Amino acid sequence: MDAFLKPSAIVDWEHPDVLARARSLRDGCSDDIAVARRCFEWVRDEIRHSQDYGLSVVTCKASEILREGSGFCYAKSHLLAALLRANGIPAGLCYQRLSLNDEGTAHCLHGLNAVCLPGIGWYRVDARGNRAGVDAQFDPPIERLAFRLTLPGEADLPEIWPEPLDVVVEALTTHASAESLGKNLPDVTLWTR
């Protein structure tokens, strides 16, 4: 479980601004589930999704996302993991593979989180931000994620990672604008047996 509590270059929860925000979100909460809910809702509602808002900056590290107030789903999951870990709540990164079109012929990864909640265990949450057709909620033990898998090639990647996938970090750190990243979203090949 230690790997899901550690700070890192991307999930940089020891950054003073991230620590301060984590502490402020914990204020008045009676237990870890209340803290996790507050952190989730704050990232979902207060950190703008770059594409939804037509923003150009690309963020990756938790402290960058907090400073800019925006990020893609992957970046928002990095910040949520950092806020949870700063509050002593184990958190990991998860991914879905989603279709980019209605035919299921082009795909990209979608970033979300898993949080280890007392009495529940690992519970996936999706703080990408709600909009028309997207209604992600914190309702343990029921998962209320942003997207349902319905098209060929879509999949839930079952792993919970302590660190973001390299392909995600590479995409977030090599594209100079959200427009460029939006045209080159990261993907993985699914292996079938």
N, C-alpha and C. Protein backbone atom coordinates (compact mmCIF):
# COMPACT_ATOMS: atom_id res chain seq x y z
N MET A 1 0.81 -1.20 0.00
CA MET A 1 0.00 0.00 0.00
C MET A 1 0.86 1.26 0.00
N ASP A 2 2.11 1.14 0.42
CA ASP A 2 2.99 2.31 0.49
C ASP A 2 3.12 3.02 -0.85
N ALA A 3 3.16 2.27 -1.94
CA ALA A 3 3.32 2.88 -3.26
C ALA A 3 2.18 3.83 -3.58
N PHE A 4 1.00 3.62 -2.98
CA PHE A 4 -0.17 4.44 -3.26
C PHE A 4 -0.30 5.62 -2.29
N LEU A 5 0.74 5.83 -1.49
CA LEU A 5 0.79 6.97 -0.58
C LEU A 5 1.99 7.88 -0.85
N LYS A 6 2.95 7.38 -1.62
CA LYS A 6 4.19 8.11 -1.85
C LYS A 6 4.01 9.31 -2.77
N PRO A 7 4.81 10.37 -2.52
CA PRO A 7 4.88 11.46 -3.50
C PRO A 7 5.81 11.05 -4.63
N SER A 8 5.69 11.72 -5.76
CA SER A 8 6.56 11.45 -6.90
C SER A 8 6.70 12.74 -7.71
N ALA A 9 7.43 12.64 -8.79
CA ALA A 9 7.63 13.81 -9.65
C ALA A 9 6.30 14.31 -10.22
N ILE A 10 5.35 13.42 -10.49
CA ILE A 10 4.05 13.80 -11.07
C ILE A 10 3.00 13.99 -9.98
N VAL A 11 2.91 13.05 -9.06
CA VAL A 11 1.96 13.13 -7.95
C VAL A 11 2.71 13.79 -6.79
N ASP A 12 3.01 15.07 -6.96
CA ASP A 12 3.92 15.79 -6.06
C ASP A 12 3.17 16.41 -4.88
N TRP A 13 2.63 15.54 -4.03
CA TRP A 13 1.79 16.03 -2.94
C TRP A 13 2.58 16.74 -1.85
N GLU A 14 3.89 16.62 -1.84
CA GLU A 14 4.68 17.35 -0.85
C GLU A 14 4.90 18.82 -1.24
N HIS A 15 4.49 19.21 -2.43
CA HIS A 15 4.58 20.62 -2.83
C HIS A 15 3.73 21.44 -1.85
N PRO A 16 4.25 22.57 -1.37
CA PRO A 16 3.52 23.35 -0.35
C PRO A 16 2.09 23.73 -0.75
N ASP A 17 1.88 24.07 -2.00
CA ASP A 17 0.53 24.47 -2.42
C ASP A 17 -0.44 23.29 -2.43
N VAL A 18 0.06 22.12 -2.83
CA VAL A 18 -0.78 20.92 -2.83
C VAL A 18 -1.10 20.53 -1.39
N LEU A 19 -0.10 20.56 -0.51
CA LEU A 19 -0.34 20.25 0.89
C LEU A 19 -1.36 21.20 1.52
N ALA A 20 -1.22 22.49 1.23
CA ALA A 20 -2.15 23.47 1.78
C ALA A 20 -3.57 23.22 1.30
N ARG A 21 -3.75 22.92 0.01
CA ARG A 21 -5.09 22.66 -0.52
C ARG A 21 -5.64 21.38 0.10
N ALA A 22 -4.81 20.34 0.24
CA ALA A 22 -5.25 19.08 0.84
C ALA A 22 -5.73 19.30 2.27
N ARG A 23 -4.98 20.08 3.03
CA ARG A 23 -5.37 20.35 4.41
C ARG A 23 -6.68 21.13 4.47
N SER A 24 -6.83 22.10 3.58
CA SER A 24 -8.07 22.90 3.59
C SER A 24 -9.28 22.05 3.23
N LEU A 25 -9.10 21.08 2.34
CA LEU A 25 -10.20 20.21 1.96
C LEU A 25 -10.56 19.24 3.08
N ARG A 26 -9.61 18.93 3.94
CA ARG A 26 -9.86 18.01 5.06
C ARG A 26 -10.62 18.70 6.20
N ASP A 27 -10.50 20.02 6.30
CA ASP A 27 -11.12 20.76 7.42
C ASP A 27 -12.60 20.43 7.56
N GLY A 28 -13.00 20.05 8.77
CA GLY A 28 -14.40 19.79 9.07
C GLY A 28 -14.89 18.41 8.68
N CYS A 29 -14.04 17.60 8.07
CA CYS A 29 -14.47 16.24 7.67
C CYS A 29 -14.31 15.29 8.86
N SER A 30 -15.26 14.39 9.00
CA SER A 30 -15.26 13.49 10.14
C SER A 30 -14.50 12.19 9.91
N ASP A 31 -14.28 11.81 8.63
CA ASP A 31 -13.59 10.56 8.35
C ASP A 31 -13.00 10.59 6.94
N ASP A 32 -12.27 9.52 6.61
CA ASP A 32 -11.58 9.48 5.32
C ASP A 32 -12.54 9.46 4.14
N ILE A 33 -13.71 8.87 4.29
CA ILE A 33 -14.66 8.86 3.18
C ILE A 33 -15.14 10.28 2.90
N ALA A 34 -15.38 11.05 3.95
CA ALA A 34 -15.79 12.45 3.76
C ALA A 34 -14.66 13.26 3.11
N VAL A 35 -13.42 13.01 3.52
CA VAL A 35 -12.28 13.70 2.91
C VAL A 35 -12.17 13.33 1.43
N ALA A 36 -12.28 12.04 1.13
CA ALA A 36 -12.18 11.59 -0.26
C ALA A 36 -13.28 12.22 -1.12
N ARG A 37 -14.49 12.26 -0.60
CA ARG A 37 -15.60 12.88 -1.33
C ARG A 37 -15.32 14.36 -1.61
N ARG A 38 -14.86 15.07 -0.58
CA ARG A 38 -14.60 16.50 -0.75
C ARG A 38 -13.48 16.75 -1.77
N CYS A 39 -12.41 15.94 -1.69
CA CYS A 39 -11.31 16.10 -2.66
C CYS A 39 -11.80 15.80 -4.07
N PHE A 40 -12.55 14.71 -4.24
CA PHE A 40 -13.09 14.34 -5.55
C PHE A 40 -13.96 15.46 -6.10
N GLU A 41 -14.92 15.93 -5.32
CA GLU A 41 -15.85 16.95 -5.82
C GLU A 41 -15.13 18.25 -6.13
N TRP A 42 -14.12 18.59 -5.34
CA TRP A 42 -13.38 19.82 -5.59
C TRP A 42 -12.63 19.73 -6.93
N VAL A 43 -11.92 18.63 -7.16
CA VAL A 43 -11.20 18.48 -8.43
C VAL A 43 -12.19 18.42 -9.59
N ARG A 44 -13.25 17.64 -9.44
CA ARG A 44 -14.25 17.52 -10.51
C ARG A 44 -14.85 18.88 -10.87
N ASP A 45 -15.20 19.67 -9.86
CA ASP A 45 -15.98 20.90 -10.09
C ASP A 45 -15.15 22.17 -10.21
N GLU A 46 -13.97 22.21 -9.59
CA GLU A 46 -13.20 23.46 -9.57
C GLU A 46 -12.02 23.49 -10.54
N ILE A 47 -11.53 22.34 -10.93
CA ILE A 47 -10.44 22.28 -11.91
C ILE A 47 -11.08 22.05 -13.27
N ARG A 48 -10.88 22.98 -14.17
CA ARG A 48 -11.55 22.93 -15.48
C ARG A 48 -10.87 21.92 -16.40
N HIS A 49 -11.70 21.17 -17.13
CA HIS A 49 -11.17 20.25 -18.14
C HIS A 49 -10.77 21.08 -19.35
N SER A 50 -9.53 20.96 -19.78
CA SER A 50 -8.97 21.82 -20.83
C SER A 50 -9.82 21.85 -22.09
N GLN A 51 -10.26 20.70 -22.56
CA GLN A 51 -11.04 20.67 -23.80
C GLN A 51 -12.43 21.25 -23.62
N ASP A 52 -13.06 20.96 -22.50
CA ASP A 52 -14.40 21.48 -22.25
C ASP A 52 -14.43 23.00 -22.25
N TYR A 53 -13.34 23.61 -21.79
CA TYR A 53 -13.29 25.07 -21.65
C TYR A 53 -12.46 25.75 -22.74
N GLY A 54 -11.96 24.99 -23.69
CA GLY A 54 -11.17 25.57 -24.78
C GLY A 54 -9.89 26.23 -24.32
N LEU A 55 -9.24 25.65 -23.32
CA LEU A 55 -8.02 26.22 -22.76
C LEU A 55 -6.81 25.67 -23.50
N SER A 56 -5.73 26.41 -23.52
CA SER A 56 -4.57 25.98 -24.31
C SER A 56 -3.46 25.33 -23.48
N VAL A 57 -3.36 25.64 -22.20
CA VAL A 57 -2.26 25.13 -21.39
C VAL A 57 -2.40 23.63 -21.19
N VAL A 58 -1.25 22.93 -21.18
CA VAL A 58 -1.21 21.50 -20.89
C VAL A 58 -0.47 21.33 -19.57
N THR A 59 -1.09 20.63 -18.63
CA THR A 59 -0.50 20.41 -17.32
C THR A 59 -0.30 18.91 -17.11
N CYS A 60 0.62 18.58 -16.20
CA CYS A 60 0.89 17.18 -15.91
C CYS A 60 1.05 16.93 -14.41
N LYS A 61 1.96 17.67 -13.77
CA LYS A 61 2.21 17.50 -12.34
C LYS A 61 1.05 18.07 -11.52
N ALA A 62 0.77 17.45 -10.39
CA ALA A 62 -0.32 17.91 -9.53
C ALA A 62 -0.19 19.40 -9.20
N SER A 63 1.01 19.84 -8.87
CA SER A 63 1.20 21.25 -8.51
C SER A 63 0.93 22.18 -9.70
N GLU A 64 1.23 21.74 -10.91
CA GLU A 64 0.93 22.55 -12.12
C GLU A 64 -0.57 22.68 -12.32
N ILE A 65 -1.28 21.58 -12.14
CA ILE A 65 -2.73 21.59 -12.34
C ILE A 65 -3.37 22.52 -11.32
N LEU A 66 -2.92 22.43 -10.09
CA LEU A 66 -3.44 23.30 -9.05
C LEU A 66 -3.17 24.76 -9.39
N ARG A 67 -1.96 25.08 -9.83
CA ARG A 67 -1.59 26.45 -10.18
C ARG A 67 -2.42 26.99 -11.34
N GLU A 68 -2.59 26.17 -12.39
CA GLU A 68 -3.30 26.63 -13.59
C GLU A 68 -4.82 26.52 -13.46
N GLY A 69 -5.28 25.65 -12.58
CA GLY A 69 -6.72 25.45 -12.41
C GLY A 69 -7.36 24.68 -13.54
N SER A 70 -6.53 23.95 -14.30
CA SER A 70 -7.07 23.20 -15.45
C SER A 70 -6.18 22.03 -15.80
N GLY A 71 -6.76 21.11 -16.58
CA GLY A 71 -6.01 19.98 -17.08
C GLY A 71 -6.92 19.00 -17.80
N PHE A 72 -6.31 18.12 -18.56
CA PHE A 72 -7.04 17.01 -19.17
C PHE A 72 -7.40 16.01 -18.07
N CYS A 73 -8.20 15.01 -18.39
CA CYS A 73 -8.61 14.00 -17.41
C CYS A 73 -7.41 13.38 -16.70
N TYR A 74 -6.34 13.12 -17.44
CA TYR A 74 -5.15 12.50 -16.85
C TYR A 74 -4.58 13.40 -15.77
N ALA A 75 -4.42 14.66 -16.10
CA ALA A 75 -3.86 15.63 -15.17
C ALA A 75 -4.75 15.77 -13.93
N LYS A 76 -6.05 15.83 -14.14
CA LYS A 76 -6.97 15.94 -13.01
C LYS A 76 -6.84 14.72 -12.09
N SER A 77 -6.60 13.54 -12.68
CA SER A 77 -6.42 12.35 -11.85
C SER A 77 -5.11 12.43 -11.07
N HIS A 78 -4.09 13.07 -11.62
CA HIS A 78 -2.82 13.24 -10.90
C HIS A 78 -3.05 14.14 -9.67
N LEU A 79 -3.80 15.22 -9.86
CA LEU A 79 -4.06 16.13 -8.74
C LEU A 79 -4.92 15.44 -7.68
N LEU A 80 -5.95 14.71 -8.09
CA LEU A 80 -6.78 14.04 -7.10
C LEU A 80 -5.96 13.02 -6.31
N ALA A 81 -5.11 12.27 -6.98
CA ALA A 81 -4.25 11.31 -6.26
C ALA A 81 -3.37 12.04 -5.25
N ALA A 82 -2.83 13.17 -5.64
CA ALA A 82 -1.96 13.94 -4.74
C ALA A 82 -2.72 14.45 -3.52
N LEU A 83 -3.90 14.99 -3.72
CA LEU A 83 -4.69 15.51 -2.60
C LEU A 83 -5.07 14.39 -1.64
N LEU A 84 -5.46 13.24 -2.18
CA LEU A 84 -5.81 12.11 -1.33
C LEU A 84 -4.60 11.60 -0.56
N ARG A 85 -3.49 11.42 -1.25
CA ARG A 85 -2.28 10.92 -0.59
C ARG A 85 -1.79 11.89 0.48
N ALA A 86 -1.89 13.19 0.20
CA ALA A 86 -1.47 14.18 1.19
C ALA A 86 -2.32 14.08 2.45
N ASN A 87 -3.52 13.55 2.33
CA ASN A 87 -4.40 13.34 3.47
C ASN A 87 -4.30 11.92 4.03
N GLY A 88 -3.30 11.16 3.59
CA GLY A 88 -3.06 9.82 4.11
C GLY A 88 -4.01 8.76 3.57
N ILE A 89 -4.67 9.04 2.44
CA ILE A 89 -5.62 8.11 1.85
C ILE A 89 -4.97 7.49 0.60
N PRO A 90 -4.78 6.17 0.57
CA PRO A 90 -4.16 5.55 -0.60
C PRO A 90 -4.97 5.82 -1.88
N ALA A 91 -4.26 6.23 -2.92
CA ALA A 91 -4.91 6.54 -4.19
C ALA A 91 -4.02 6.11 -5.34
N GLY A 92 -4.65 5.59 -6.39
CA GLY A 92 -3.93 5.16 -7.58
C GLY A 92 -4.57 5.72 -8.83
N LEU A 93 -3.97 5.38 -9.94
CA LEU A 93 -4.42 5.85 -11.25
C LEU A 93 -4.96 4.68 -12.04
N CYS A 94 -6.06 4.92 -12.73
CA CYS A 94 -6.73 3.92 -13.55
C CYS A 94 -6.99 4.52 -14.93
N TYR A 95 -7.28 3.63 -15.87
CA TYR A 95 -7.55 4.09 -17.23
C TYR A 95 -8.66 3.29 -17.86
N GLN A 96 -9.37 3.96 -18.73
CA GLN A 96 -10.30 3.32 -19.65
C GLN A 96 -9.77 3.59 -21.04
N ARG A 97 -10.08 2.70 -21.96
CA ARG A 97 -9.79 2.92 -23.37
C ARG A 97 -11.13 3.21 -24.03
N LEU A 98 -11.26 4.42 -24.57
CA LEU A 98 -12.53 4.88 -25.12
C LEU A 98 -12.42 5.17 -26.61
N SER A 99 -13.53 5.05 -27.29
CA SER A 99 -13.58 5.36 -28.72
C SER A 99 -13.61 6.87 -28.92
N LEU A 100 -12.91 7.31 -29.96
CA LEU A 100 -12.92 8.73 -30.34
C LEU A 100 -14.01 9.04 -31.36
N ASN A 101 -14.67 8.00 -31.86
CA ASN A 101 -15.74 8.21 -32.84
C ASN A 101 -16.87 7.22 -32.57
N ASP A 102 -17.94 7.35 -33.28
CA ASP A 102 -19.11 6.49 -33.04
C ASP A 102 -18.97 5.10 -33.64
N GLU A 103 -17.85 4.83 -34.27
CA GLU A 103 -17.65 3.53 -34.92
C GLU A 103 -16.72 2.62 -34.14
N GLY A 104 -16.02 3.16 -33.15
CA GLY A 104 -15.08 2.35 -32.40
C GLY A 104 -13.83 2.02 -33.18
N THR A 105 -13.44 2.90 -34.13
CA THR A 105 -12.26 2.63 -34.96
C THR A 105 -11.03 3.42 -34.53
N ALA A 106 -11.20 4.46 -33.74
CA ALA A 106 -10.08 5.23 -33.20
C ALA A 106 -10.29 5.34 -31.70
N HIS A 107 -9.20 5.24 -30.93
CA HIS A 107 -9.33 5.17 -29.48
C HIS A 107 -8.31 6.06 -28.78
N CYS A 108 -8.58 6.31 -27.49
CA CYS A 108 -7.63 7.00 -26.62
C CYS A 108 -7.85 6.52 -25.20
N LEU A 109 -6.88 6.78 -24.36
CA LEU A 109 -7.02 6.50 -22.95
C LEU A 109 -7.78 7.62 -22.27
N HIS A 110 -8.46 7.27 -21.21
CA HIS A 110 -9.15 8.22 -20.34
C HIS A 110 -8.65 7.95 -18.92
N GLY A 111 -8.22 9.01 -18.23
CA GLY A 111 -7.65 8.84 -16.90
C GLY A 111 -8.66 9.06 -15.78
N LEU A 112 -8.58 8.20 -14.77
CA LEU A 112 -9.41 8.31 -13.59
C LEU A 112 -8.64 7.77 -12.40
N ASN A 113 -9.28 7.63 -11.25
CA ASN A 113 -8.59 7.21 -10.04
C ASN A 113 -9.26 6.03 -9.37
N ALA A 114 -8.49 5.38 -8.50
CA ALA A 114 -9.02 4.44 -7.52
C ALA A 114 -8.54 4.92 -6.16
N VAL A 115 -9.44 4.90 -5.20
CA VAL A 115 -9.12 5.31 -3.84
C VAL A 115 -9.49 4.16 -2.92
N CYS A 116 -8.62 3.88 -1.95
CA CYS A 116 -8.86 2.79 -1.00
C CYS A 116 -9.61 3.37 0.20
N LEU A 117 -10.90 3.00 0.29
CA LEU A 117 -11.76 3.55 1.33
C LEU A 117 -11.98 2.53 2.45
N PRO A 118 -11.98 2.99 3.70
CA PRO A 118 -12.20 2.08 4.81
C PRO A 118 -13.57 1.40 4.70
N GLY A 119 -13.58 0.08 4.90
CA GLY A 119 -14.81 -0.68 4.86
C GLY A 119 -15.32 -0.97 3.45
N ILE A 120 -14.65 -0.42 2.44
CA ILE A 120 -15.09 -0.60 1.05
C ILE A 120 -14.00 -1.22 0.19
N GLY A 121 -12.76 -0.79 0.40
CA GLY A 121 -11.64 -1.23 -0.44
C GLY A 121 -11.46 -0.28 -1.60
N TRP A 122 -10.87 -0.77 -2.68
CA TRP A 122 -10.60 0.08 -3.84
C TRP A 122 -11.90 0.46 -4.53
N TYR A 123 -12.03 1.75 -4.77
CA TYR A 123 -13.25 2.32 -5.36
C TYR A 123 -12.83 3.32 -6.43
N ARG A 124 -13.32 3.12 -7.67
CA ARG A 124 -12.93 4.01 -8.77
C ARG A 124 -13.82 5.25 -8.82
N VAL A 125 -13.18 6.39 -9.06
CA VAL A 125 -13.86 7.67 -9.22
C VAL A 125 -13.30 8.39 -10.44
N ASP A 126 -14.11 9.25 -11.02
CA ASP A 126 -13.74 9.94 -12.26
C ASP A 126 -14.00 11.43 -12.11
N ALA A 127 -12.95 12.20 -11.88
CA ALA A 127 -13.06 13.63 -11.62
C ALA A 127 -12.86 14.49 -12.87
N ARG A 128 -13.07 13.94 -14.08
CA ARG A 128 -12.82 14.69 -15.32
C ARG A 128 -13.63 15.96 -15.41
N GLY A 129 -14.79 16.00 -14.77
CA GLY A 129 -15.67 17.17 -14.82
C GLY A 129 -16.96 16.82 -15.55
N ASN A 130 -18.06 17.20 -14.95
CA ASN A 130 -19.35 16.90 -15.54
C ASN A 130 -19.72 17.94 -16.60
N ARG A 131 -20.52 17.51 -17.55
CA ARG A 131 -21.05 18.36 -18.63
C ARG A 131 -22.25 17.61 -19.19
N ALA A 132 -22.86 18.11 -20.22
CA ALA A 132 -24.00 17.41 -20.82
C ALA A 132 -23.59 15.99 -21.18
N GLY A 133 -24.34 15.01 -20.70
CA GLY A 133 -24.06 13.61 -20.99
C GLY A 133 -23.02 12.98 -20.09
N VAL A 134 -22.44 13.73 -19.16
CA VAL A 134 -21.44 13.20 -18.22
C VAL A 134 -21.87 13.57 -16.81
N ASP A 135 -22.05 12.55 -15.97
CA ASP A 135 -22.51 12.78 -14.61
C ASP A 135 -21.76 11.84 -13.66
N ALA A 136 -20.49 12.12 -13.44
CA ALA A 136 -19.67 11.32 -12.52
C ALA A 136 -19.94 11.76 -11.09
N GLN A 137 -20.10 10.77 -10.20
CA GLN A 137 -20.43 11.06 -8.81
C GLN A 137 -19.60 10.20 -7.88
N PHE A 138 -19.56 10.60 -6.62
CA PHE A 138 -18.91 9.84 -5.55
C PHE A 138 -20.03 9.20 -4.75
N ASP A 139 -20.27 7.91 -4.94
CA ASP A 139 -21.41 7.22 -4.35
C ASP A 139 -21.02 5.79 -3.96
N PRO A 140 -19.98 5.63 -3.09
CA PRO A 140 -19.51 4.28 -2.78
C PRO A 140 -20.60 3.44 -2.11
N PRO A 141 -20.63 2.16 -2.44
CA PRO A 141 -19.68 1.41 -3.26
C PRO A 141 -20.04 1.40 -4.75
N ILE A 142 -21.07 2.14 -5.17
CA ILE A 142 -21.49 2.15 -6.57
C ILE A 142 -20.58 3.07 -7.37
N GLU A 143 -20.02 2.56 -8.47
CA GLU A 143 -19.20 3.39 -9.36
C GLU A 143 -20.11 4.22 -10.25
N ARG A 144 -19.85 5.52 -10.29
CA ARG A 144 -20.60 6.43 -11.17
C ARG A 144 -19.57 7.21 -11.99
N LEU A 145 -18.99 6.53 -12.98
CA LEU A 145 -17.92 7.10 -13.80
C LEU A 145 -18.50 7.97 -14.91
N ALA A 146 -17.63 8.72 -15.56
CA ALA A 146 -18.05 9.65 -16.61
C ALA A 146 -18.53 8.94 -17.87
N PHE A 147 -17.91 7.82 -18.21
CA PHE A 147 -18.21 7.17 -19.49
C PHE A 147 -18.53 5.69 -19.32
N ARG A 148 -19.48 5.22 -20.11
CA ARG A 148 -19.81 3.80 -20.18
C ARG A 148 -19.16 3.23 -21.44
N LEU A 149 -18.73 2.01 -21.35
CA LEU A 149 -18.10 1.35 -22.49
C LEU A 149 -19.19 0.71 -23.34
N THR A 150 -19.26 1.10 -24.61
CA THR A 150 -20.32 0.58 -25.48
C THR A 150 -19.85 0.19 -26.87
N LEU A 151 -18.66 0.62 -27.28
CA LEU A 151 -18.23 0.41 -28.66
C LEU A 151 -17.07 -0.58 -28.74
N PRO A 152 -16.87 -1.16 -29.92
CA PRO A 152 -15.76 -2.10 -30.11
C PRO A 152 -14.42 -1.45 -29.75
N GLY A 153 -13.57 -2.20 -29.06
CA GLY A 153 -12.25 -1.73 -28.69
C GLY A 153 -12.20 -0.95 -27.39
N GLU A 154 -13.36 -0.60 -26.85
CA GLU A 154 -13.37 0.09 -25.56
C GLU A 154 -13.14 -0.93 -24.44
N ALA A 155 -12.49 -0.47 -23.37
CA ALA A 155 -12.19 -1.40 -22.27
C ALA A 155 -11.85 -0.64 -21.00
N ASP A 156 -12.16 -1.29 -19.88
CA ASP A 156 -11.63 -0.86 -18.58
C ASP A 156 -10.30 -1.56 -18.40
N LEU A 157 -9.24 -0.81 -18.22
CA LEU A 157 -7.97 -1.44 -17.87
C LEU A 157 -8.06 -1.76 -16.38
N PRO A 158 -7.94 -3.03 -15.99
CA PRO A 158 -8.25 -3.42 -14.61
C PRO A 158 -7.21 -3.02 -13.58
N GLU A 159 -6.04 -2.63 -14.01
CA GLU A 159 -4.95 -2.34 -13.08
C GLU A 159 -5.19 -1.01 -12.34
N ILE A 160 -4.57 -0.94 -11.17
CA ILE A 160 -4.48 0.32 -10.42
C ILE A 160 -2.98 0.61 -10.31
N TRP A 161 -2.55 1.71 -10.91
CA TRP A 161 -1.13 2.05 -10.94
C TRP A 161 -0.82 3.12 -9.89
N PRO A 162 0.35 3.00 -9.24
CA PRO A 162 0.76 4.06 -8.31
C PRO A 162 1.27 5.31 -9.03
N GLU A 163 1.69 5.13 -10.28
CA GLU A 163 2.20 6.24 -11.09
C GLU A 163 1.51 6.25 -12.45
N PRO A 164 1.44 7.40 -13.09
CA PRO A 164 0.82 7.45 -14.42
C PRO A 164 1.59 6.60 -15.43
N LEU A 165 0.87 6.10 -16.42
CA LEU A 165 1.53 5.37 -17.50
C LEU A 165 2.49 6.29 -18.25
N ASP A 166 3.61 5.73 -18.71
CA ASP A 166 4.61 6.52 -19.44
C ASP A 166 4.01 7.20 -20.67
N VAL A 167 3.11 6.51 -21.38
CA VAL A 167 2.51 7.08 -22.58
C VAL A 167 1.69 8.33 -22.25
N VAL A 168 1.10 8.36 -21.07
CA VAL A 168 0.32 9.53 -20.63
C VAL A 168 1.26 10.68 -20.29
N VAL A 169 2.29 10.40 -19.51
CA VAL A 169 3.25 11.45 -19.14
C VAL A 169 3.91 12.02 -20.39
N GLU A 170 4.30 11.15 -21.31
CA GLU A 170 4.92 11.61 -22.56
C GLU A 170 3.98 12.54 -23.33
N ALA A 171 2.72 12.16 -23.44
CA ALA A 171 1.76 13.00 -24.16
C ALA A 171 1.59 14.36 -23.48
N LEU A 172 1.50 14.37 -22.16
CA LEU A 172 1.29 15.62 -21.44
C LEU A 172 2.52 16.52 -21.43
N THR A 173 3.68 15.95 -21.57
CA THR A 173 4.90 16.76 -21.49
C THR A 173 5.50 17.10 -22.85
N THR A 174 5.00 16.52 -23.93
CA THR A 174 5.59 16.82 -25.24
C THR A 174 4.71 17.70 -26.12
N HIS A 175 3.46 17.89 -25.75
CA HIS A 175 2.57 18.73 -26.56
C HIS A 175 2.50 20.12 -25.93
N ALA A 176 2.75 21.12 -26.76
CA ALA A 176 2.82 22.50 -26.28
C ALA A 176 1.45 23.14 -26.07
N SER A 177 0.41 22.55 -26.65
CA SER A 177 -0.92 23.14 -26.51
C SER A 177 -1.97 22.05 -26.33
N ALA A 178 -3.07 22.42 -25.73
CA ALA A 178 -4.17 21.48 -25.57
C ALA A 178 -4.73 21.07 -26.92
N GLU A 179 -4.69 21.95 -27.89
CA GLU A 179 -5.17 21.62 -29.23
C GLU A 179 -4.33 20.49 -29.83
N SER A 180 -3.01 20.61 -29.71
CA SER A 180 -2.11 19.58 -30.22
C SER A 180 -2.32 18.26 -29.48
N LEU A 181 -2.42 18.32 -28.16
CA LEU A 181 -2.65 17.10 -27.38
C LEU A 181 -3.99 16.47 -27.75
N GLY A 182 -5.02 17.30 -27.92
CA GLY A 182 -6.34 16.80 -28.28
C GLY A 182 -6.35 16.01 -29.58
N LYS A 183 -5.42 16.33 -30.48
CA LYS A 183 -5.30 15.60 -31.75
C LYS A 183 -4.40 14.38 -31.65
N ASN A 184 -3.72 14.23 -30.50
CA ASN A 184 -2.75 13.15 -30.31
C ASN A 184 -2.89 12.52 -28.92
N LEU A 185 -4.10 12.21 -28.53
CA LEU A 185 -4.33 11.64 -27.21
C LEU A 185 -3.67 10.26 -27.10
N PRO A 186 -3.13 9.94 -25.93
CA PRO A 186 -2.43 8.66 -25.77
C PRO A 186 -3.39 7.48 -25.85
N ASP A 187 -2.85 6.35 -26.30
CA ASP A 187 -3.60 5.11 -26.42
C ASP A 187 -2.66 3.95 -26.12
N VAL A 188 -3.24 2.80 -25.87
CA VAL A 188 -2.47 1.56 -25.69
C VAL A 188 -3.12 0.48 -26.56
N THR A 189 -2.33 -0.50 -26.89
CA THR A 189 -2.84 -1.67 -27.61
C THR A 189 -3.34 -2.67 -26.60
N LEU A 190 -4.54 -3.15 -26.80
CA LEU A 190 -5.09 -4.18 -25.93
C LEU A 190 -4.67 -5.54 -26.45
N TRP A 191 -4.19 -6.36 -25.54
CA TRP A 191 -3.78 -7.71 -25.91
C TRP A 191 -4.91 -8.65 -25.58
N THR A 192 -5.25 -9.49 -26.50
CA THR A 192 -6.27 -10.50 -26.23
C THR A 192 -5.64 -11.89 -26.35
N ARG A 193 -6.18 -12.85 -25.63
CA ARG A 193 -5.64 -14.21 -25.66
C ARG A 193 -6.46 -15.07 -26.57
